[in-house]
Amino acid sequence: MDNGYPMGAEFDPNAPYNQEVNEPKTINVVIDLCISKSVPIEVTDYTVDEDGNPDFYSCDLYDAVSNQIYLPTELSETITKSLDSVKDLKEFKHYNKNALIDGSDWDIDDYTITVE
């Protein structure tokens, strides 16, 4: 050993102590996230076929979901607004129960990240 290095390794560019470490740089990335969740909703705009079976294909599902379910993109605003007005955690949970439930248990179906 010479100068604390293994013999012949002092100037070896592959040795970990000779490799340069880049300084961290901040970059913008685009996160493309496809998520899904099965949820129950109530609809009234269905039709009934001649056998008496309900047909839900004509329902305005977008309207029903937007009026009944907090989507992940709405959660931050909803919870932030209530944080400004609640006094304690119990009250916060009470007022945000549906938002907290709706915001959980989403499945990530596809996930990509690209440099912007």
N, C-alpha and C. Protein backbone atom coordinates (compact mmCIF):
# COMPACT_ATOMS: atom_id res chain seq x y z
N MET A 1 0.83 -1.18 0.00
CA MET A 1 0.00 0.00 0.00
C MET A 1 0.88 1.24 0.00
N ASP A 2 0.50 2.20 -0.83
CA ASP A 2 1.28 3.42 -0.93
C ASP A 2 0.35 4.60 -0.72
N ASN A 3 0.63 5.47 0.23
CA ASN A 3 -0.19 6.65 0.54
C ASN A 3 -1.64 6.29 0.86
N GLY A 4 -1.88 5.10 1.41
CA GLY A 4 -3.23 4.70 1.78
C GLY A 4 -4.02 4.08 0.65
N TYR A 5 -3.51 4.04 -0.56
CA TYR A 5 -4.20 3.45 -1.71
C TYR A 5 -3.67 2.04 -1.94
N PRO A 6 -4.48 1.15 -2.47
CA PRO A 6 -3.95 -0.15 -2.88
C PRO A 6 -2.91 0.07 -3.98
N MET A 7 -1.94 -0.81 -4.07
CA MET A 7 -0.86 -0.65 -5.02
C MET A 7 -1.37 -0.50 -6.46
N GLY A 8 -0.96 0.58 -7.11
CA GLY A 8 -1.33 0.84 -8.50
C GLY A 8 -2.72 1.44 -8.68
N ALA A 9 -3.44 1.69 -7.60
CA ALA A 9 -4.82 2.16 -7.72
C ALA A 9 -4.98 3.66 -7.48
N GLU A 10 -3.93 4.34 -7.11
CA GLU A 10 -4.05 5.75 -6.76
C GLU A 10 -4.62 6.59 -7.90
N PHE A 11 -4.27 6.30 -9.13
CA PHE A 11 -4.72 7.09 -10.27
C PHE A 11 -5.69 6.31 -11.18
N ASP A 12 -6.19 5.20 -10.69
CA ASP A 12 -7.14 4.38 -11.46
C ASP A 12 -8.47 5.14 -11.60
N PRO A 13 -8.90 5.51 -12.84
CA PRO A 13 -10.12 6.28 -13.01
C PRO A 13 -11.39 5.51 -12.63
N ASN A 14 -11.30 4.18 -12.53
CA ASN A 14 -12.47 3.38 -12.15
C ASN A 14 -12.63 3.24 -10.64
N ALA A 15 -11.63 3.64 -9.89
CA ALA A 15 -11.72 3.55 -8.43
C ALA A 15 -12.75 4.56 -7.94
N PRO A 16 -13.59 4.18 -6.97
CA PRO A 16 -14.65 5.08 -6.51
C PRO A 16 -14.13 6.42 -5.99
N TYR A 17 -12.95 6.45 -5.40
CA TYR A 17 -12.41 7.70 -4.87
C TYR A 17 -11.87 8.62 -5.96
N ASN A 18 -11.76 8.13 -7.20
CA ASN A 18 -11.31 8.95 -8.32
C ASN A 18 -12.44 9.37 -9.25
N GLN A 19 -13.63 8.92 -9.01
CA GLN A 19 -14.75 9.26 -9.89
C GLN A 19 -15.36 10.59 -9.46
N GLU A 20 -15.70 11.38 -10.48
CA GLU A 20 -16.32 12.68 -10.21
C GLU A 20 -17.80 12.49 -9.90
N VAL A 21 -18.29 13.28 -8.99
CA VAL A 21 -19.70 13.26 -8.64
C VAL A 21 -20.32 14.57 -9.15
N ASN A 22 -21.32 14.45 -9.97
CA ASN A 22 -21.98 15.65 -10.50
C ASN A 22 -22.72 16.39 -9.40
N GLU A 23 -22.73 17.71 -9.52
CA GLU A 23 -23.51 18.53 -8.60
C GLU A 23 -24.99 18.35 -8.93
N PRO A 24 -25.87 18.37 -7.94
CA PRO A 24 -27.31 18.24 -8.22
C PRO A 24 -27.80 19.43 -9.06
N LYS A 25 -28.64 19.16 -10.02
CA LYS A 25 -29.26 20.19 -10.86
C LYS A 25 -30.77 20.00 -10.79
N THR A 26 -31.50 21.08 -10.75
CA THR A 26 -32.96 21.02 -10.74
C THR A 26 -33.46 21.09 -12.17
N ILE A 27 -34.31 20.14 -12.54
CA ILE A 27 -34.91 20.13 -13.88
C ILE A 27 -36.41 19.97 -13.74
N ASN A 28 -37.14 20.36 -14.76
CA ASN A 28 -38.58 20.14 -14.80
C ASN A 28 -38.87 18.85 -15.54
N VAL A 29 -39.80 18.07 -15.00
CA VAL A 29 -40.20 16.83 -15.64
C VAL A 29 -41.72 16.81 -15.77
N VAL A 30 -42.20 16.03 -16.72
CA VAL A 30 -43.63 15.82 -16.89
C VAL A 30 -43.93 14.43 -16.37
N ILE A 31 -44.87 14.34 -15.45
CA ILE A 31 -45.29 13.06 -14.91
C ILE A 31 -46.62 12.72 -15.56
N ASP A 32 -46.65 11.63 -16.29
CA ASP A 32 -47.85 11.16 -16.96
C ASP A 32 -48.33 9.95 -16.18
N LEU A 33 -49.43 10.13 -15.47
CA LEU A 33 -49.91 9.12 -14.55
C LEU A 33 -51.33 8.72 -14.91
N CYS A 34 -51.54 7.46 -15.15
CA CYS A 34 -52.88 6.94 -15.43
C CYS A 34 -53.30 6.13 -14.22
N ILE A 35 -54.37 6.57 -13.56
CA ILE A 35 -54.83 5.89 -12.34
C ILE A 35 -56.29 5.48 -12.48
N SER A 36 -56.70 4.52 -11.68
CA SER A 36 -58.09 4.07 -11.73
C SER A 36 -58.54 3.63 -10.35
N LYS A 37 -59.86 3.63 -10.18
CA LYS A 37 -60.46 3.20 -8.92
C LYS A 37 -61.91 2.84 -9.20
N SER A 38 -62.37 1.76 -8.65
CA SER A 38 -63.77 1.37 -8.77
C SER A 38 -64.53 1.97 -7.59
N VAL A 39 -65.58 2.76 -7.89
CA VAL A 39 -66.35 3.42 -6.84
C VAL A 39 -67.84 3.29 -7.11
N PRO A 40 -68.65 3.23 -6.07
CA PRO A 40 -70.10 3.24 -6.28
C PRO A 40 -70.59 4.68 -6.45
N ILE A 41 -71.49 4.90 -7.41
CA ILE A 41 -72.14 6.20 -7.59
C ILE A 41 -73.63 5.95 -7.79
N GLU A 42 -74.42 6.97 -7.52
CA GLU A 42 -75.86 6.88 -7.76
C GLU A 42 -76.20 7.60 -9.05
N VAL A 43 -77.08 6.96 -9.86
CA VAL A 43 -77.54 7.57 -11.10
C VAL A 43 -79.06 7.44 -11.16
N THR A 44 -79.68 8.41 -11.81
CA THR A 44 -81.14 8.37 -12.00
C THR A 44 -81.52 8.48 -13.47
N ASP A 45 -80.54 8.76 -14.33
CA ASP A 45 -80.85 8.98 -15.74
C ASP A 45 -80.66 7.72 -16.59
N TYR A 46 -80.88 6.56 -16.00
CA TYR A 46 -80.79 5.31 -16.75
C TYR A 46 -82.13 5.01 -17.44
N THR A 47 -82.07 4.09 -18.39
CA THR A 47 -83.28 3.64 -19.07
C THR A 47 -83.57 2.21 -18.64
N VAL A 48 -84.78 1.75 -18.91
CA VAL A 48 -85.18 0.38 -18.58
C VAL A 48 -85.59 -0.31 -19.88
N ASP A 49 -85.00 -1.49 -20.13
CA ASP A 49 -85.34 -2.20 -21.37
C ASP A 49 -86.69 -2.91 -21.25
N GLU A 50 -87.12 -3.56 -22.34
CA GLU A 50 -88.45 -4.20 -22.39
C GLU A 50 -88.59 -5.33 -21.37
N ASP A 51 -87.47 -5.88 -20.88
CA ASP A 51 -87.53 -6.94 -19.87
C ASP A 51 -87.49 -6.39 -18.45
N GLY A 52 -87.44 -5.07 -18.33
CA GLY A 52 -87.41 -4.44 -17.01
C GLY A 52 -86.02 -4.30 -16.41
N ASN A 53 -84.97 -4.55 -17.22
CA ASN A 53 -83.59 -4.44 -16.73
C ASN A 53 -83.07 -3.01 -16.94
N PRO A 54 -82.40 -2.46 -15.94
CA PRO A 54 -81.85 -1.11 -16.11
C PRO A 54 -80.69 -1.11 -17.09
N ASP A 55 -80.62 -0.06 -17.91
CA ASP A 55 -79.54 0.14 -18.87
C ASP A 55 -78.81 1.42 -18.48
N PHE A 56 -77.56 1.28 -18.09
CA PHE A 56 -76.79 2.42 -17.58
C PHE A 56 -75.91 3.08 -18.63
N TYR A 57 -75.91 2.58 -19.87
CA TYR A 57 -75.03 3.10 -20.91
C TYR A 57 -75.38 4.52 -21.35
N SER A 58 -76.59 4.95 -21.14
CA SER A 58 -76.98 6.30 -21.54
C SER A 58 -76.81 7.32 -20.41
N CYS A 59 -76.35 6.89 -19.26
CA CYS A 59 -76.18 7.79 -18.11
C CYS A 59 -75.05 8.79 -18.35
N ASP A 60 -75.21 9.97 -17.79
CA ASP A 60 -74.14 10.96 -17.82
C ASP A 60 -73.22 10.67 -16.63
N LEU A 61 -72.31 9.73 -16.83
CA LEU A 61 -71.43 9.28 -15.75
C LEU A 61 -70.45 10.37 -15.31
N TYR A 62 -70.02 11.20 -16.25
CA TYR A 62 -69.10 12.29 -15.89
C TYR A 62 -69.75 13.25 -14.92
N ASP A 63 -71.01 13.58 -15.16
CA ASP A 63 -71.74 14.47 -14.27
C ASP A 63 -71.94 13.81 -12.91
N ALA A 64 -72.33 12.55 -12.91
CA ALA A 64 -72.57 11.83 -11.65
C ALA A 64 -71.29 11.77 -10.81
N VAL A 65 -70.18 11.43 -11.44
CA VAL A 65 -68.92 11.33 -10.71
C VAL A 65 -68.48 12.70 -10.21
N SER A 66 -68.58 13.73 -11.04
CA SER A 66 -68.12 15.06 -10.62
C SER A 66 -68.95 15.61 -9.46
N ASN A 67 -70.17 15.15 -9.32
CA ASN A 67 -71.02 15.62 -8.22
C ASN A 67 -70.94 14.75 -6.97
N GLN A 68 -70.32 13.58 -7.07
CA GLN A 68 -70.32 12.66 -5.93
C GLN A 68 -68.94 12.24 -5.43
N ILE A 69 -67.93 12.34 -6.27
CA ILE A 69 -66.61 11.83 -5.93
C ILE A 69 -65.57 12.94 -6.04
N TYR A 70 -64.69 13.02 -5.03
CA TYR A 70 -63.55 13.92 -5.13
C TYR A 70 -62.48 13.20 -5.96
N LEU A 71 -62.09 13.81 -7.07
CA LEU A 71 -61.01 13.26 -7.87
C LEU A 71 -59.67 13.72 -7.28
N PRO A 72 -58.60 12.97 -7.52
CA PRO A 72 -57.30 13.34 -6.94
C PRO A 72 -56.89 14.78 -7.22
N THR A 73 -57.25 15.32 -8.39
CA THR A 73 -56.86 16.69 -8.71
C THR A 73 -57.62 17.72 -7.88
N GLU A 74 -58.71 17.33 -7.25
CA GLU A 74 -59.50 18.25 -6.43
C GLU A 74 -59.15 18.17 -4.95
N LEU A 75 -58.44 17.14 -4.55
CA LEU A 75 -58.20 16.91 -3.12
C LEU A 75 -57.37 18.00 -2.47
N SER A 76 -56.31 18.43 -3.11
CA SER A 76 -55.44 19.43 -2.50
C SER A 76 -56.20 20.71 -2.18
N GLU A 77 -56.97 21.21 -3.13
CA GLU A 77 -57.73 22.44 -2.91
C GLU A 77 -58.77 22.25 -1.82
N THR A 78 -59.49 21.14 -1.85
CA THR A 78 -60.53 20.87 -0.86
C THR A 78 -59.95 20.81 0.55
N ILE A 79 -58.87 20.06 0.70
CA ILE A 79 -58.28 19.89 2.03
C ILE A 79 -57.61 21.18 2.50
N THR A 80 -56.94 21.90 1.59
CA THR A 80 -56.30 23.15 1.96
C THR A 80 -57.32 24.17 2.46
N LYS A 81 -58.46 24.27 1.79
CA LYS A 81 -59.51 25.19 2.23
C LYS A 81 -59.99 24.85 3.63
N SER A 82 -60.17 23.57 3.91
CA SER A 82 -60.68 23.20 5.23
C SER A 82 -59.63 23.37 6.31
N LEU A 83 -58.36 23.26 5.97
CA LEU A 83 -57.30 23.47 6.96
C LEU A 83 -57.34 24.90 7.50
N ASP A 84 -57.74 25.83 6.66
CA ASP A 84 -57.82 27.22 7.08
C ASP A 84 -58.95 27.47 8.07
N SER A 85 -59.96 26.59 8.09
CA SER A 85 -61.14 26.86 8.91
C SER A 85 -61.36 25.91 10.08
N VAL A 86 -60.68 24.78 10.13
CA VAL A 86 -60.93 23.84 11.22
C VAL A 86 -60.04 24.14 12.42
N LYS A 87 -60.51 23.71 13.58
CA LYS A 87 -59.78 24.01 14.81
C LYS A 87 -58.92 22.84 15.29
N ASP A 88 -59.30 21.61 14.98
CA ASP A 88 -58.51 20.47 15.43
C ASP A 88 -58.62 19.31 14.44
N LEU A 89 -57.84 18.28 14.68
CA LEU A 89 -57.77 17.14 13.76
C LEU A 89 -59.10 16.41 13.66
N LYS A 90 -59.82 16.28 14.76
CA LYS A 90 -61.12 15.58 14.74
C LYS A 90 -62.10 16.31 13.82
N GLU A 91 -62.14 17.62 13.92
CA GLU A 91 -63.02 18.42 13.07
C GLU A 91 -62.57 18.32 11.61
N PHE A 92 -61.26 18.34 11.38
CA PHE A 92 -60.72 18.21 10.03
C PHE A 92 -61.16 16.89 9.41
N LYS A 93 -61.02 15.79 10.14
CA LYS A 93 -61.41 14.48 9.63
C LYS A 93 -62.91 14.43 9.36
N HIS A 94 -63.70 15.06 10.21
CA HIS A 94 -65.15 15.07 10.03
C HIS A 94 -65.52 15.77 8.72
N TYR A 95 -64.99 16.94 8.48
CA TYR A 95 -65.34 17.72 7.30
C TYR A 95 -64.71 17.18 6.01
N ASN A 96 -63.66 16.40 6.14
CA ASN A 96 -62.96 15.90 4.96
C ASN A 96 -63.05 14.40 4.80
N LYS A 97 -63.97 13.77 5.51
CA LYS A 97 -64.08 12.31 5.48
C LYS A 97 -64.22 11.79 4.05
N ASN A 98 -65.14 12.35 3.28
CA ASN A 98 -65.34 11.87 1.90
C ASN A 98 -64.12 12.12 1.04
N ALA A 99 -63.49 13.28 1.19
CA ALA A 99 -62.30 13.58 0.40
C ALA A 99 -61.17 12.62 0.74
N LEU A 100 -61.02 12.30 2.02
CA LEU A 100 -59.96 11.38 2.43
C LEU A 100 -60.23 9.97 1.92
N ILE A 101 -61.49 9.55 1.97
CA ILE A 101 -61.85 8.22 1.45
C ILE A 101 -61.67 8.18 -0.07
N ASP A 102 -62.18 9.20 -0.76
CA ASP A 102 -62.08 9.24 -2.22
C ASP A 102 -60.63 9.30 -2.69
N GLY A 103 -59.76 9.89 -1.89
CA GLY A 103 -58.37 10.04 -2.28
C GLY A 103 -57.51 8.82 -2.04
N SER A 104 -58.06 7.80 -1.40
CA SER A 104 -57.27 6.61 -1.10
C SER A 104 -57.57 5.48 -2.08
N ASP A 105 -56.68 4.52 -2.11
CA ASP A 105 -56.85 3.25 -2.83
C ASP A 105 -56.95 3.38 -4.34
N TRP A 106 -56.31 4.37 -4.93
CA TRP A 106 -56.25 4.45 -6.39
C TRP A 106 -55.15 3.50 -6.87
N ASP A 107 -55.37 2.88 -8.02
CA ASP A 107 -54.37 2.00 -8.63
C ASP A 107 -53.63 2.77 -9.71
N ILE A 108 -52.32 2.66 -9.71
CA ILE A 108 -51.52 3.27 -10.78
C ILE A 108 -51.47 2.27 -11.92
N ASP A 109 -52.10 2.63 -13.04
CA ASP A 109 -52.17 1.75 -14.20
C ASP A 109 -50.99 1.95 -15.14
N ASP A 110 -50.50 3.16 -15.23
CA ASP A 110 -49.38 3.47 -16.11
C ASP A 110 -48.68 4.69 -15.55
N TYR A 111 -47.35 4.76 -15.70
CA TYR A 111 -46.58 5.81 -15.06
C TYR A 111 -45.33 6.07 -15.89
N THR A 112 -45.20 7.26 -16.44
CA THR A 112 -44.00 7.62 -17.17
C THR A 112 -43.55 9.01 -16.74
N ILE A 113 -42.26 9.25 -16.85
CA ILE A 113 -41.69 10.56 -16.54
C ILE A 113 -40.76 10.94 -17.68
N THR A 114 -40.91 12.17 -18.19
CA THR A 114 -40.04 12.66 -19.25
C THR A 114 -39.52 14.05 -18.88
N VAL A 115 -38.37 14.37 -19.39
CA VAL A 115 -37.79 15.70 -19.16
C VAL A 115 -38.59 16.69 -19.99
N GLU A 116 -38.94 17.80 -19.36
CA GLU A 116 -39.75 18.83 -20.03
C GLU A 116 -38.89 19.64 -20.96
